[in-house]
């Protein structure tokens, strides 16, 4: 298969598996999504979804968030990890949203990436899921699968995002990045991976990846 044919196979298979696509992080508006995505750095979405209701019960908007101290925020979000950095970021970005944007989350990559503790991936998720702007945020699942599917060389997430945007139609980016995440979790995880369940990798996978898993399977 050519790269374009492999990409088409990915799109068709994912549309069959995930005709409706749930958003992994629970939120009710752009602000709560921004905070949830920030908390998800080096933390599972399941854990974030357990912690955000506790935080949002006290503050689900920037005006209430700045009334809390950084220490109070840190205590609540501690289970998510990196709490010193994340709590300062949450408090700091809430202040900026009030001062510069009337308490609203700005709708541009540049403005989002200027906020404390907000990187390109976080900005991309917010632009995509809150505002419907085409983006292709790359997490560990997408990075892993783009390499397994021989659609990217896997050197770094910046290159993976560039490759994904080059091969997949722009109008599909927002759905596709979520579909790939769900597929990675259910069928092609980093650990406990079964090629038998992973129809996409089994069909279009990188030869070196397929050989490697065959060797591991034959040793069992």
N, C-alpha and C. Protein backbone atom coordinates (compact mmCIF):
# COMPACT_ATOMS: atom_id res chain seq x y z
N UNK A 1 0.84 -1.21 0.00
CA UNK A 1 0.00 0.00 0.00
C UNK A 1 0.87 1.26 0.00
N UNK A 2 0.40 2.27 -0.70
CA UNK A 2 1.06 3.57 -0.62
C UNK A 2 0.69 4.24 0.70
N UNK A 3 1.40 5.29 1.03
CA UNK A 3 1.09 6.02 2.28
C UNK A 3 -0.34 6.56 2.24
N UNK A 4 -0.76 7.05 1.09
CA UNK A 4 -2.12 7.58 0.97
C UNK A 4 -3.15 6.46 1.18
N UNK A 5 -2.88 5.27 0.64
CA UNK A 5 -3.80 4.14 0.82
C UNK A 5 -3.84 3.69 2.27
N UNK A 6 -2.69 3.73 2.94
CA UNK A 6 -2.66 3.37 4.37
C UNK A 6 -3.47 4.36 5.18
N UNK A 7 -3.34 5.65 4.85
CA UNK A 7 -4.09 6.69 5.57
C UNK A 7 -5.60 6.50 5.35
N UNK A 8 -6.00 6.16 4.13
CA UNK A 8 -7.42 5.92 3.83
C UNK A 8 -7.93 4.72 4.62
N UNK A 9 -7.11 3.68 4.71
CA UNK A 9 -7.50 2.49 5.49
C UNK A 9 -7.70 2.86 6.96
N UNK A 10 -6.81 3.68 7.50
CA UNK A 10 -6.93 4.15 8.89
C UNK A 10 -8.24 4.90 9.08
N UNK A 11 -8.52 5.84 8.20
CA UNK A 11 -9.73 6.66 8.30
C UNK A 11 -10.99 5.78 8.27
N UNK A 12 -11.04 4.87 7.30
CA UNK A 12 -12.23 4.02 7.14
C UNK A 12 -12.43 3.09 8.33
N UNK A 13 -11.33 2.50 8.80
CA UNK A 13 -11.43 1.58 9.94
C UNK A 13 -11.88 2.31 11.19
N UNK A 14 -11.31 3.49 11.45
CA UNK A 14 -11.66 4.25 12.64
C UNK A 14 -13.11 4.75 12.59
N UNK A 15 -13.58 5.10 11.41
CA UNK A 15 -14.98 5.53 11.27
C UNK A 15 -15.94 4.38 11.55
N UNK A 16 -15.55 3.17 11.19
CA UNK A 16 -16.38 2.00 11.50
C UNK A 16 -16.40 1.72 12.99
N UNK A 17 -15.23 1.83 13.63
CA UNK A 17 -15.11 1.53 15.06
C UNK A 17 -15.71 2.63 15.94
N UNK A 18 -15.54 3.88 15.51
CA UNK A 18 -15.96 5.02 16.34
C UNK A 18 -16.80 6.00 15.53
N UNK A 19 -18.03 5.60 15.18
CA UNK A 19 -18.90 6.52 14.43
C UNK A 19 -19.29 7.75 15.25
N UNK A 20 -19.41 7.58 16.58
CA UNK A 20 -19.58 8.74 17.46
C UNK A 20 -18.37 8.75 18.40
N UNK A 21 -17.86 9.93 18.67
CA UNK A 21 -16.56 10.03 19.33
C UNK A 21 -16.67 10.79 20.64
N UNK A 22 -16.58 10.10 21.77
CA UNK A 22 -16.62 10.80 23.05
C UNK A 22 -15.34 11.59 23.30
N UNK A 23 -15.47 12.75 23.94
CA UNK A 23 -14.30 13.53 24.34
C UNK A 23 -13.79 12.97 25.67
N UNK A 24 -12.51 12.63 25.76
CA UNK A 24 -12.00 11.93 26.95
C UNK A 24 -12.10 12.72 28.26
N UNK A 25 -11.95 14.04 28.21
CA UNK A 25 -11.94 14.85 29.43
C UNK A 25 -13.29 15.51 29.66
N UNK A 26 -13.85 15.31 30.84
CA UNK A 26 -15.14 15.91 31.18
C UNK A 26 -14.99 17.43 31.35
N UNK A 27 -15.88 18.19 30.74
CA UNK A 27 -15.84 19.65 30.85
C UNK A 27 -17.20 20.20 30.41
N UNK A 28 -17.43 21.47 30.71
CA UNK A 28 -18.72 22.08 30.31
C UNK A 28 -18.54 23.32 29.45
N UNK A 29 -17.32 23.84 29.38
CA UNK A 29 -17.06 25.04 28.59
C UNK A 29 -15.56 25.15 28.31
N UNK A 30 -15.13 26.15 27.51
CA UNK A 30 -13.71 26.25 27.18
C UNK A 30 -12.79 26.37 28.40
N UNK A 31 -13.23 27.07 29.44
CA UNK A 31 -12.37 27.24 30.61
C UNK A 31 -12.15 25.91 31.34
N UNK A 32 -13.22 25.18 31.59
CA UNK A 32 -13.06 23.91 32.31
C UNK A 32 -12.29 22.90 31.45
N UNK A 33 -12.43 22.98 30.12
CA UNK A 33 -11.62 22.12 29.25
C UNK A 33 -10.15 22.49 29.36
N UNK A 34 -9.85 23.78 29.32
CA UNK A 34 -8.47 24.25 29.43
C UNK A 34 -7.82 23.73 30.71
N UNK A 35 -8.52 23.84 31.82
CA UNK A 35 -7.97 23.38 33.10
C UNK A 35 -7.79 21.86 33.09
N UNK A 36 -8.76 21.14 32.55
CA UNK A 36 -8.68 19.68 32.50
C UNK A 36 -7.51 19.22 31.64
N UNK A 37 -7.31 19.86 30.51
CA UNK A 37 -6.19 19.47 29.62
C UNK A 37 -4.86 19.78 30.30
N UNK A 38 -4.78 20.93 30.94
CA UNK A 38 -3.56 21.29 31.68
C UNK A 38 -3.24 20.22 32.74
N UNK A 39 -4.26 19.76 33.44
CA UNK A 39 -4.07 18.75 34.49
C UNK A 39 -3.68 17.39 33.92
N UNK A 40 -4.02 17.14 32.65
CA UNK A 40 -3.79 15.81 32.07
C UNK A 40 -2.33 15.55 31.71
N UNK A 41 -1.47 16.57 31.78
CA UNK A 41 -0.05 16.36 31.49
C UNK A 41 0.53 15.33 32.46
N UNK A 42 1.07 14.24 31.89
CA UNK A 42 1.66 13.15 32.68
C UNK A 42 0.67 12.59 33.71
N UNK A 43 -0.59 12.57 33.34
CA UNK A 43 -1.64 12.03 34.21
C UNK A 43 -2.72 11.42 33.33
N UNK A 44 -3.36 10.37 33.79
CA UNK A 44 -4.40 9.73 32.98
C UNK A 44 -5.68 10.58 32.96
N UNK A 45 -6.42 10.46 31.88
CA UNK A 45 -7.70 11.17 31.78
C UNK A 45 -8.67 10.70 32.86
N UNK A 46 -8.62 9.41 33.20
CA UNK A 46 -9.50 8.87 34.24
C UNK A 46 -9.25 9.59 35.56
N UNK A 47 -7.98 9.76 35.91
CA UNK A 47 -7.64 10.46 37.16
C UNK A 47 -8.08 11.91 37.11
N UNK A 48 -7.85 12.56 35.99
CA UNK A 48 -8.26 13.97 35.84
C UNK A 48 -9.76 14.10 36.04
N UNK A 49 -10.52 13.19 35.44
CA UNK A 49 -11.98 13.24 35.56
C UNK A 49 -12.46 12.96 36.98
N UNK A 50 -11.62 12.36 37.80
CA UNK A 50 -11.96 12.17 39.22
C UNK A 50 -11.68 13.43 40.04
N UNK A 51 -10.68 14.20 39.61
CA UNK A 51 -10.23 15.37 40.38
C UNK A 51 -10.95 16.66 39.98
N UNK A 52 -11.25 16.82 38.69
CA UNK A 52 -11.84 18.10 38.26
C UNK A 52 -13.19 18.41 38.94
N UNK A 53 -14.06 17.43 39.22
CA UNK A 53 -15.30 17.78 39.92
C UNK A 53 -15.05 18.41 41.29
N UNK A 54 -13.98 17.96 41.96
CA UNK A 54 -13.63 18.52 43.27
C UNK A 54 -13.17 19.97 43.13
N UNK A 55 -12.34 20.19 42.09
CA UNK A 55 -11.84 21.55 41.85
C UNK A 55 -12.96 22.47 41.37
N UNK A 56 -13.74 22.00 40.42
CA UNK A 56 -14.77 22.85 39.82
C UNK A 56 -15.95 23.11 40.77
N UNK A 57 -16.10 22.27 41.78
CA UNK A 57 -17.12 22.54 42.80
C UNK A 57 -16.79 23.83 43.56
N UNK A 58 -15.49 24.12 43.66
CA UNK A 58 -15.05 25.35 44.33
C UNK A 58 -14.86 26.49 43.34
N UNK A 59 -14.40 26.15 42.13
CA UNK A 59 -14.11 27.21 41.14
C UNK A 59 -14.17 26.63 39.74
N UNK A 60 -15.20 26.99 39.00
CA UNK A 60 -15.30 26.52 37.62
C UNK A 60 -15.22 27.68 36.63
N UNK A 61 -14.68 28.79 37.10
CA UNK A 61 -14.46 29.96 36.25
C UNK A 61 -13.27 30.74 36.80
N UNK A 62 -12.64 31.58 35.99
CA UNK A 62 -11.43 32.26 36.46
C UNK A 62 -11.65 33.19 37.65
N UNK A 63 -12.83 33.79 37.75
CA UNK A 63 -13.10 34.73 38.84
C UNK A 63 -13.10 34.02 40.20
N UNK A 64 -13.69 32.84 40.24
CA UNK A 64 -13.67 32.07 41.49
C UNK A 64 -12.31 31.43 41.73
N UNK A 65 -11.63 31.07 40.63
CA UNK A 65 -10.33 30.40 40.78
C UNK A 65 -9.30 31.33 41.42
N UNK A 66 -9.32 32.63 41.07
CA UNK A 66 -8.31 33.53 41.63
C UNK A 66 -8.60 33.86 43.10
N UNK A 67 -9.80 33.55 43.56
CA UNK A 67 -10.10 33.73 44.99
C UNK A 67 -9.43 32.66 45.84
N UNK A 68 -9.10 31.54 45.21
CA UNK A 68 -8.37 30.48 45.90
C UNK A 68 -6.88 30.78 45.89
N UNK A 69 -6.16 30.27 46.86
CA UNK A 69 -4.71 30.42 46.85
C UNK A 69 -4.10 29.31 46.00
N UNK A 70 -2.88 29.53 45.56
CA UNK A 70 -2.16 28.49 44.82
C UNK A 70 -2.06 27.22 45.66
N UNK A 71 -1.85 27.40 46.95
CA UNK A 71 -1.73 26.25 47.86
C UNK A 71 -3.05 25.46 47.93
N UNK A 72 -4.17 26.16 47.96
CA UNK A 72 -5.47 25.47 48.00
C UNK A 72 -5.71 24.67 46.72
N UNK A 73 -5.36 25.28 45.58
CA UNK A 73 -5.49 24.57 44.31
C UNK A 73 -4.58 23.34 44.29
N UNK A 74 -3.37 23.54 44.77
CA UNK A 74 -2.38 22.45 44.78
C UNK A 74 -2.85 21.24 45.58
N UNK A 75 -3.49 21.49 46.71
CA UNK A 75 -3.97 20.39 47.55
C UNK A 75 -5.02 19.56 46.84
N UNK A 76 -5.89 20.23 46.10
CA UNK A 76 -6.96 19.52 45.40
C UNK A 76 -6.41 18.69 44.22
N UNK A 77 -5.49 19.29 43.47
CA UNK A 77 -5.03 18.64 42.23
C UNK A 77 -3.82 17.73 42.45
N UNK A 78 -3.35 17.61 43.69
CA UNK A 78 -2.14 16.83 43.98
C UNK A 78 -2.14 15.44 43.32
N UNK A 79 -3.27 14.68 43.34
CA UNK A 79 -3.26 13.34 42.74
C UNK A 79 -2.93 13.32 41.24
N UNK A 80 -3.04 14.47 40.58
CA UNK A 80 -2.74 14.53 39.14
C UNK A 80 -1.25 14.65 38.85
N UNK A 81 -0.45 14.87 39.88
CA UNK A 81 0.99 15.01 39.66
C UNK A 81 1.37 16.41 39.20
N UNK A 82 2.65 16.75 39.38
CA UNK A 82 3.18 18.07 38.99
C UNK A 82 2.35 19.21 39.57
N UNK A 83 1.81 18.99 40.77
CA UNK A 83 0.87 19.96 41.34
C UNK A 83 1.47 21.34 41.61
N UNK A 84 2.76 21.47 42.00
CA UNK A 84 3.28 22.82 42.20
C UNK A 84 3.24 23.67 40.92
N UNK A 85 3.65 23.07 39.81
CA UNK A 85 3.67 23.79 38.54
C UNK A 85 2.25 24.02 38.02
N UNK A 86 1.42 22.99 38.10
CA UNK A 86 0.06 23.10 37.57
C UNK A 86 -0.79 24.09 38.36
N UNK A 87 -0.65 24.11 39.69
CA UNK A 87 -1.44 25.03 40.51
C UNK A 87 -1.07 26.49 40.23
N UNK A 88 0.24 26.74 40.08
CA UNK A 88 0.67 28.10 39.72
C UNK A 88 0.14 28.48 38.35
N UNK A 89 0.18 27.52 37.42
CA UNK A 89 -0.32 27.79 36.07
C UNK A 89 -1.80 28.09 36.06
N UNK A 90 -2.58 27.31 36.78
CA UNK A 90 -4.03 27.50 36.83
C UNK A 90 -4.38 28.87 37.41
N UNK A 91 -3.72 29.22 38.52
CA UNK A 91 -3.98 30.51 39.16
C UNK A 91 -3.52 31.65 38.25
N UNK A 92 -2.33 31.49 37.69
CA UNK A 92 -1.76 32.55 36.84
C UNK A 92 -2.56 32.78 35.57
N UNK A 93 -2.95 31.72 34.91
CA UNK A 93 -3.71 31.90 33.66
C UNK A 93 -5.10 32.46 33.94
N UNK A 94 -5.66 32.12 35.10
CA UNK A 94 -6.98 32.67 35.46
C UNK A 94 -6.90 34.19 35.64
N UNK A 95 -5.81 34.65 36.27
CA UNK A 95 -5.60 36.10 36.42
C UNK A 95 -5.50 36.78 35.06
N UNK A 96 -4.75 36.17 34.16
CA UNK A 96 -4.56 36.75 32.82
C UNK A 96 -5.88 36.78 32.04
N UNK A 97 -6.66 35.71 32.15
CA UNK A 97 -7.95 35.68 31.45
C UNK A 97 -8.85 36.82 31.90
N UNK A 98 -8.81 37.13 33.20
CA UNK A 98 -9.62 38.23 33.74
C UNK A 98 -9.08 39.58 33.26
N UNK A 99 -7.75 39.73 33.35
CA UNK A 99 -7.12 41.03 33.02
C UNK A 99 -7.16 41.34 31.53
N UNK A 100 -6.94 40.33 30.68
CA UNK A 100 -6.77 40.58 29.25
C UNK A 100 -7.98 40.18 28.40
N UNK A 101 -8.77 39.22 28.89
CA UNK A 101 -9.80 38.64 28.01
C UNK A 101 -11.21 38.62 28.63
N UNK A 102 -11.44 39.49 29.62
CA UNK A 102 -12.76 39.58 30.26
C UNK A 102 -13.25 38.23 30.79
N UNK A 103 -12.29 37.42 31.24
CA UNK A 103 -12.64 36.13 31.82
C UNK A 103 -12.92 35.03 30.81
N UNK A 104 -12.75 35.34 29.52
CA UNK A 104 -13.00 34.35 28.48
C UNK A 104 -11.70 33.69 28.00
N UNK A 105 -11.80 32.47 27.54
CA UNK A 105 -10.63 31.78 26.97
C UNK A 105 -10.43 32.29 25.54
N UNK A 106 -9.25 32.80 25.21
CA UNK A 106 -9.01 33.33 23.87
C UNK A 106 -9.06 32.23 22.81
N UNK A 107 -9.48 32.63 21.61
CA UNK A 107 -9.65 31.65 20.53
C UNK A 107 -8.54 31.74 19.50
N UNK A 108 -7.30 31.71 19.97
CA UNK A 108 -6.16 31.65 19.05
C UNK A 108 -5.04 30.85 19.68
N UNK A 109 -4.29 30.14 18.83
CA UNK A 109 -3.17 29.34 19.32
C UNK A 109 -2.15 30.22 20.03
N UNK A 110 -1.87 31.37 19.43
CA UNK A 110 -0.83 32.26 19.97
C UNK A 110 -1.19 32.73 21.38
N UNK A 111 -2.44 33.20 21.55
CA UNK A 111 -2.86 33.71 22.85
C UNK A 111 -2.88 32.60 23.90
N UNK A 112 -3.33 31.42 23.51
CA UNK A 112 -3.37 30.29 24.45
C UNK A 112 -1.97 29.88 24.89
N UNK A 113 -1.05 29.82 23.94
CA UNK A 113 0.31 29.37 24.25
C UNK A 113 1.09 30.39 25.06
N UNK A 114 0.58 31.61 25.15
CA UNK A 114 1.22 32.61 26.01
C UNK A 114 0.81 32.47 27.47
N UNK A 115 -0.24 31.67 27.73
CA UNK A 115 -0.72 31.50 29.11
C UNK A 115 0.22 30.58 29.88
N UNK A 116 0.35 30.80 31.20
CA UNK A 116 1.23 29.95 32.02
C UNK A 116 0.82 28.48 31.94
N UNK A 117 1.81 27.61 31.81
CA UNK A 117 1.62 26.15 31.83
C UNK A 117 0.81 25.61 30.65
N UNK A 118 0.62 26.45 29.61
CA UNK A 118 -0.12 26.01 28.42
C UNK A 118 0.86 25.89 27.26
N UNK A 119 1.06 24.66 26.80
CA UNK A 119 1.92 24.41 25.66
C UNK A 119 1.12 24.22 24.39
N UNK A 120 1.82 23.83 23.33
CA UNK A 120 1.17 23.71 22.03
C UNK A 120 0.10 22.62 22.02
N UNK A 121 0.37 21.49 22.68
CA UNK A 121 -0.61 20.40 22.69
C UNK A 121 -1.90 20.83 23.40
N UNK A 122 -1.75 21.47 24.57
CA UNK A 122 -2.92 21.94 25.32
C UNK A 122 -3.72 22.94 24.49
N UNK A 123 -3.01 23.88 23.87
CA UNK A 123 -3.68 24.87 23.03
C UNK A 123 -4.42 24.20 21.87
N UNK A 124 -3.81 23.19 21.29
CA UNK A 124 -4.42 22.49 20.15
C UNK A 124 -5.69 21.76 20.57
N UNK A 125 -5.67 21.13 21.75
CA UNK A 125 -6.87 20.44 22.23
C UNK A 125 -8.01 21.43 22.44
N UNK A 126 -7.71 22.57 23.06
CA UNK A 126 -8.74 23.58 23.33
C UNK A 126 -9.29 24.15 22.02
N UNK A 127 -8.40 24.48 21.10
CA UNK A 127 -8.85 25.03 19.82
C UNK A 127 -9.73 24.04 19.08
N UNK A 128 -9.34 22.76 19.13
CA UNK A 128 -10.08 21.72 18.44
C UNK A 128 -11.42 21.41 19.10
N UNK A 129 -11.38 21.09 20.39
CA UNK A 129 -12.56 20.57 21.08
C UNK A 129 -13.50 21.65 21.62
N UNK A 130 -12.95 22.81 21.94
CA UNK A 130 -13.81 23.89 22.46
C UNK A 130 -14.33 24.81 21.34
N UNK A 131 -13.48 25.03 20.32
CA UNK A 131 -13.83 26.03 19.31
C UNK A 131 -13.99 25.47 17.91
N UNK A 132 -13.71 24.16 17.73
CA UNK A 132 -13.92 23.55 16.42
C UNK A 132 -12.92 23.96 15.36
N UNK A 133 -11.80 24.53 15.78
CA UNK A 133 -10.76 24.93 14.83
C UNK A 133 -9.90 23.70 14.50
N UNK A 134 -9.63 23.41 13.23
CA UNK A 134 -8.85 22.23 12.89
C UNK A 134 -7.48 22.23 13.58
N UNK A 135 -7.19 21.14 14.29
CA UNK A 135 -5.91 20.98 14.98
C UNK A 135 -5.63 19.50 15.10
N UNK A 136 -4.39 19.14 15.33
CA UNK A 136 -4.06 17.73 15.47
C UNK A 136 -3.12 17.55 16.66
N UNK A 137 -3.65 17.71 17.89
CA UNK A 137 -2.81 17.54 19.07
C UNK A 137 -2.29 16.12 19.17
N UNK A 138 -1.00 15.98 19.36
CA UNK A 138 -0.37 14.65 19.39
C UNK A 138 -0.05 14.26 20.82
N UNK A 139 -0.70 13.18 21.29
CA UNK A 139 -0.36 12.63 22.60
C UNK A 139 0.46 11.36 22.41
N UNK A 140 0.73 10.63 23.48
CA UNK A 140 1.59 9.44 23.39
C UNK A 140 0.96 8.37 22.49
N UNK A 141 -0.37 8.25 22.52
CA UNK A 141 -1.03 7.23 21.69
C UNK A 141 -0.84 7.55 20.21
N UNK A 142 -1.11 8.78 19.82
CA UNK A 142 -0.98 9.18 18.42
C UNK A 142 0.47 9.06 17.96
N UNK A 143 1.39 9.49 18.80
CA UNK A 143 2.82 9.41 18.47
C UNK A 143 3.21 7.95 18.23
N UNK A 144 2.76 7.06 19.09
CA UNK A 144 3.09 5.63 18.97
C UNK A 144 2.47 5.02 17.71
N UNK A 145 1.19 5.32 17.46
CA UNK A 145 0.50 4.68 16.36
C UNK A 145 0.93 5.22 15.00
N UNK A 146 1.22 6.49 14.90
CA UNK A 146 1.71 7.03 13.64
C UNK A 146 3.02 6.35 13.24
N UNK A 147 3.82 5.99 14.23
CA UNK A 147 5.06 5.25 13.95
C UNK A 147 4.75 3.80 13.58
N UNK A 148 3.91 3.13 14.39
CA UNK A 148 3.56 1.73 14.11
C UNK A 148 2.94 1.58 12.72
N UNK A 149 2.16 2.57 12.30
CA UNK A 149 1.46 2.51 11.02
C UNK A 149 2.32 3.01 9.85
N UNK A 150 3.57 3.33 10.16
CA UNK A 150 4.52 3.79 9.13
C UNK A 150 4.02 5.05 8.42
N UNK A 151 3.39 5.92 9.21
CA UNK A 151 2.93 7.20 8.68
C UNK A 151 3.79 8.36 9.17
N UNK A 152 4.71 8.06 10.09
CA UNK A 152 5.65 9.06 10.60
C UNK A 152 6.89 8.33 11.10
N UNK A 153 8.02 9.03 11.11
CA UNK A 153 9.27 8.37 11.54
C UNK A 153 9.41 8.29 13.06
N UNK A 154 8.51 8.96 13.80
CA UNK A 154 8.50 8.83 15.25
C UNK A 154 9.63 9.53 15.98
N UNK A 155 10.34 10.46 15.30
CA UNK A 155 11.47 11.13 15.96
C UNK A 155 11.01 11.99 17.13
N UNK A 156 9.95 12.74 16.95
CA UNK A 156 9.42 13.59 18.03
C UNK A 156 7.98 13.97 17.70
N UNK A 157 7.27 14.51 18.70
CA UNK A 157 5.84 14.82 18.50
C UNK A 157 5.63 15.96 17.51
N UNK A 158 6.61 16.85 17.40
CA UNK A 158 6.49 17.95 16.43
C UNK A 158 6.45 17.39 15.02
N UNK A 159 7.35 16.45 14.73
CA UNK A 159 7.39 15.82 13.41
C UNK A 159 6.14 14.98 13.17
N UNK A 160 5.70 14.26 14.21
CA UNK A 160 4.49 13.44 14.08
C UNK A 160 3.28 14.29 13.73
N UNK A 161 3.14 15.45 14.40
CA UNK A 161 2.02 16.35 14.10
C UNK A 161 2.10 16.85 12.66
N UNK A 162 3.30 17.22 12.24
CA UNK A 162 3.49 17.71 10.88
C UNK A 162 3.11 16.63 9.86
N UNK A 163 3.54 15.38 10.12
CA UNK A 163 3.24 14.28 9.21
C UNK A 163 1.73 13.98 9.17
N UNK A 164 1.09 14.01 10.35
CA UNK A 164 -0.34 13.74 10.42
C UNK A 164 -1.13 14.78 9.63
N UNK A 165 -0.75 16.04 9.78
CA UNK A 165 -1.45 17.11 9.08
C UNK A 165 -1.23 17.04 7.57
N UNK A 166 -0.08 16.51 7.17
CA UNK A 166 0.23 16.41 5.74
C UNK A 166 -0.56 15.30 5.06
N UNK A 167 -0.84 14.22 5.79
CA UNK A 167 -1.44 13.05 5.14
C UNK A 167 -2.95 12.95 5.33
N UNK A 168 -3.47 13.51 6.43
CA UNK A 168 -4.92 13.40 6.68
C UNK A 168 -5.63 14.69 6.27
N UNK A 169 -6.82 14.61 5.67
CA UNK A 169 -7.56 15.81 5.27
C UNK A 169 -7.87 16.71 6.48
N UNK A 170 -7.71 17.99 6.28
CA UNK A 170 -7.88 18.96 7.38
C UNK A 170 -9.24 18.86 8.04
N UNK A 171 -10.29 18.61 7.25
CA UNK A 171 -11.64 18.57 7.81
C UNK A 171 -11.86 17.35 8.72
N UNK A 172 -10.92 16.41 8.71
CA UNK A 172 -11.04 15.22 9.56
C UNK A 172 -10.19 15.30 10.83
N UNK A 173 -9.30 16.28 10.93
CA UNK A 173 -8.33 16.32 12.02
C UNK A 173 -8.98 16.22 13.40
N UNK A 174 -10.02 17.02 13.62
CA UNK A 174 -10.60 17.09 14.97
C UNK A 174 -11.21 15.78 15.42
N UNK A 175 -11.86 15.07 14.51
CA UNK A 175 -12.41 13.75 14.86
C UNK A 175 -11.30 12.70 14.90
N UNK A 176 -10.42 12.77 13.93
CA UNK A 176 -9.43 11.72 13.76
C UNK A 176 -8.46 11.61 14.93
N UNK A 177 -8.02 12.74 15.48
CA UNK A 177 -7.06 12.64 16.58
C UNK A 177 -7.70 11.97 17.79
N UNK A 178 -9.00 12.20 17.99
CA UNK A 178 -9.70 11.52 19.09
C UNK A 178 -9.90 10.04 18.80
N UNK A 179 -10.24 9.73 17.55
CA UNK A 179 -10.42 8.32 17.18
C UNK A 179 -9.13 7.53 17.36
N UNK A 180 -8.00 8.13 16.99
CA UNK A 180 -6.71 7.44 17.14
C UNK A 180 -6.39 7.22 18.62
N UNK A 181 -6.71 8.20 19.45
CA UNK A 181 -6.47 8.05 20.90
C UNK A 181 -7.28 6.87 21.45
N UNK A 182 -8.56 6.81 21.11
CA UNK A 182 -9.40 5.70 21.60
C UNK A 182 -8.90 4.37 21.06
N UNK A 183 -8.50 4.34 19.79
CA UNK A 183 -7.99 3.10 19.21
C UNK A 183 -6.71 2.66 19.92
N UNK A 184 -5.83 3.62 20.19
CA UNK A 184 -4.58 3.29 20.88
C UNK A 184 -4.83 2.69 22.25
N UNK A 185 -5.80 3.23 22.95
CA UNK A 185 -6.12 2.72 24.28
C UNK A 185 -6.73 1.32 24.24
N UNK A 186 -7.61 1.09 23.25
CA UNK A 186 -8.36 -0.16 23.23
C UNK A 186 -7.68 -1.29 22.46
N UNK A 187 -7.00 -0.95 21.36
CA UNK A 187 -6.50 -2.00 20.46
C UNK A 187 -4.98 -2.01 20.27
N UNK A 188 -4.32 -0.90 20.54
CA UNK A 188 -2.89 -0.84 20.25
C UNK A 188 -2.12 -0.11 21.36
N UNK A 189 -2.21 -0.61 22.60
CA UNK A 189 -1.54 0.06 23.71
C UNK A 189 -0.03 -0.15 23.70
N UNK A 190 0.64 0.61 24.53
CA UNK A 190 2.10 0.46 24.63
C UNK A 190 2.45 -0.86 25.30
N UNK A 191 1.67 -1.25 26.30
CA UNK A 191 1.90 -2.50 27.02
C UNK A 191 0.71 -3.44 26.86
N UNK A 192 0.97 -4.74 26.94
CA UNK A 192 -0.11 -5.71 26.79
C UNK A 192 -0.73 -5.68 25.41
N UNK A 193 0.11 -5.44 24.40
CA UNK A 193 -0.35 -5.26 23.03
C UNK A 193 -0.54 -6.60 22.35
N UNK A 194 -1.70 -6.81 21.77
CA UNK A 194 -1.99 -8.04 21.01
C UNK A 194 -2.25 -7.68 19.56
N UNK A 195 -1.38 -8.16 18.68
CA UNK A 195 -1.52 -7.85 17.25
C UNK A 195 -2.80 -8.44 16.69
N UNK A 196 -3.27 -9.50 17.30
CA UNK A 196 -4.51 -10.15 16.86
C UNK A 196 -5.69 -9.18 16.92
N UNK A 197 -5.72 -8.34 17.96
CA UNK A 197 -6.80 -7.37 18.13
C UNK A 197 -6.58 -6.11 17.30
N UNK A 198 -5.33 -5.85 16.97
CA UNK A 198 -4.94 -4.58 16.34
C UNK A 198 -4.98 -4.69 14.82
N UNK A 199 -6.17 -4.58 14.25
CA UNK A 199 -6.35 -4.81 12.81
C UNK A 199 -5.59 -3.79 11.97
N UNK A 200 -5.48 -2.56 12.43
CA UNK A 200 -4.80 -1.54 11.61
C UNK A 200 -3.31 -1.85 11.51
N UNK A 201 -2.65 -2.07 12.64
CA UNK A 201 -1.22 -2.37 12.60
C UNK A 201 -0.96 -3.69 11.88
N UNK A 202 -1.83 -4.67 12.09
CA UNK A 202 -1.68 -5.97 11.43
C UNK A 202 -1.74 -5.82 9.90
N UNK A 203 -2.54 -4.85 9.45
CA UNK A 203 -2.75 -4.68 8.01
C UNK A 203 -1.72 -3.76 7.36
N UNK A 204 -1.38 -2.68 8.04
CA UNK A 204 -0.51 -1.67 7.37
C UNK A 204 0.75 -1.36 8.17
N UNK A 205 1.02 -2.13 9.22
CA UNK A 205 2.10 -1.78 10.14
C UNK A 205 3.49 -1.75 9.52
N UNK A 206 4.35 -0.97 10.13
CA UNK A 206 5.75 -0.88 9.74
C UNK A 206 6.39 -2.28 9.84
N UNK A 207 7.13 -2.67 8.84
CA UNK A 207 7.68 -4.03 8.80
C UNK A 207 8.54 -4.34 10.03
N UNK A 208 9.35 -3.39 10.44
CA UNK A 208 10.23 -3.63 11.59
C UNK A 208 9.43 -3.84 12.87
N UNK A 209 8.31 -3.14 12.99
CA UNK A 209 7.44 -3.29 14.17
C UNK A 209 6.79 -4.67 14.16
N UNK A 210 6.33 -5.10 12.99
CA UNK A 210 5.69 -6.41 12.88
C UNK A 210 6.68 -7.54 13.15
N UNK A 211 7.90 -7.39 12.64
CA UNK A 211 8.93 -8.41 12.88
C UNK A 211 9.27 -8.49 14.35
N UNK A 212 9.34 -7.33 14.99
CA UNK A 212 9.70 -7.28 16.40
C UNK A 212 8.65 -7.99 17.27
N UNK A 213 7.38 -7.75 16.98
CA UNK A 213 6.34 -8.39 17.78
C UNK A 213 6.25 -9.89 17.48
N UNK A 214 6.56 -10.27 16.24
CA UNK A 214 6.59 -11.69 15.91
C UNK A 214 7.66 -12.42 16.70
N UNK A 215 8.82 -11.78 16.82
CA UNK A 215 9.92 -12.38 17.61
C UNK A 215 9.51 -12.55 19.06
N UNK A 216 8.89 -11.50 19.62
CA UNK A 216 8.48 -11.56 21.03
C UNK A 216 7.42 -12.64 21.25
N UNK A 217 6.50 -12.75 20.27
CA UNK A 217 5.42 -13.75 20.40
C UNK A 217 5.98 -15.16 20.30
N UNK A 218 6.98 -15.35 19.42
CA UNK A 218 7.54 -16.69 19.23
C UNK A 218 8.32 -17.16 20.45
N UNK A 219 8.78 -16.22 21.28
CA UNK A 219 9.53 -16.58 22.50
C UNK A 219 8.59 -17.06 23.60
N UNK A 220 7.32 -16.70 23.52
CA UNK A 220 6.37 -17.04 24.58
C UNK A 220 5.98 -18.52 24.54
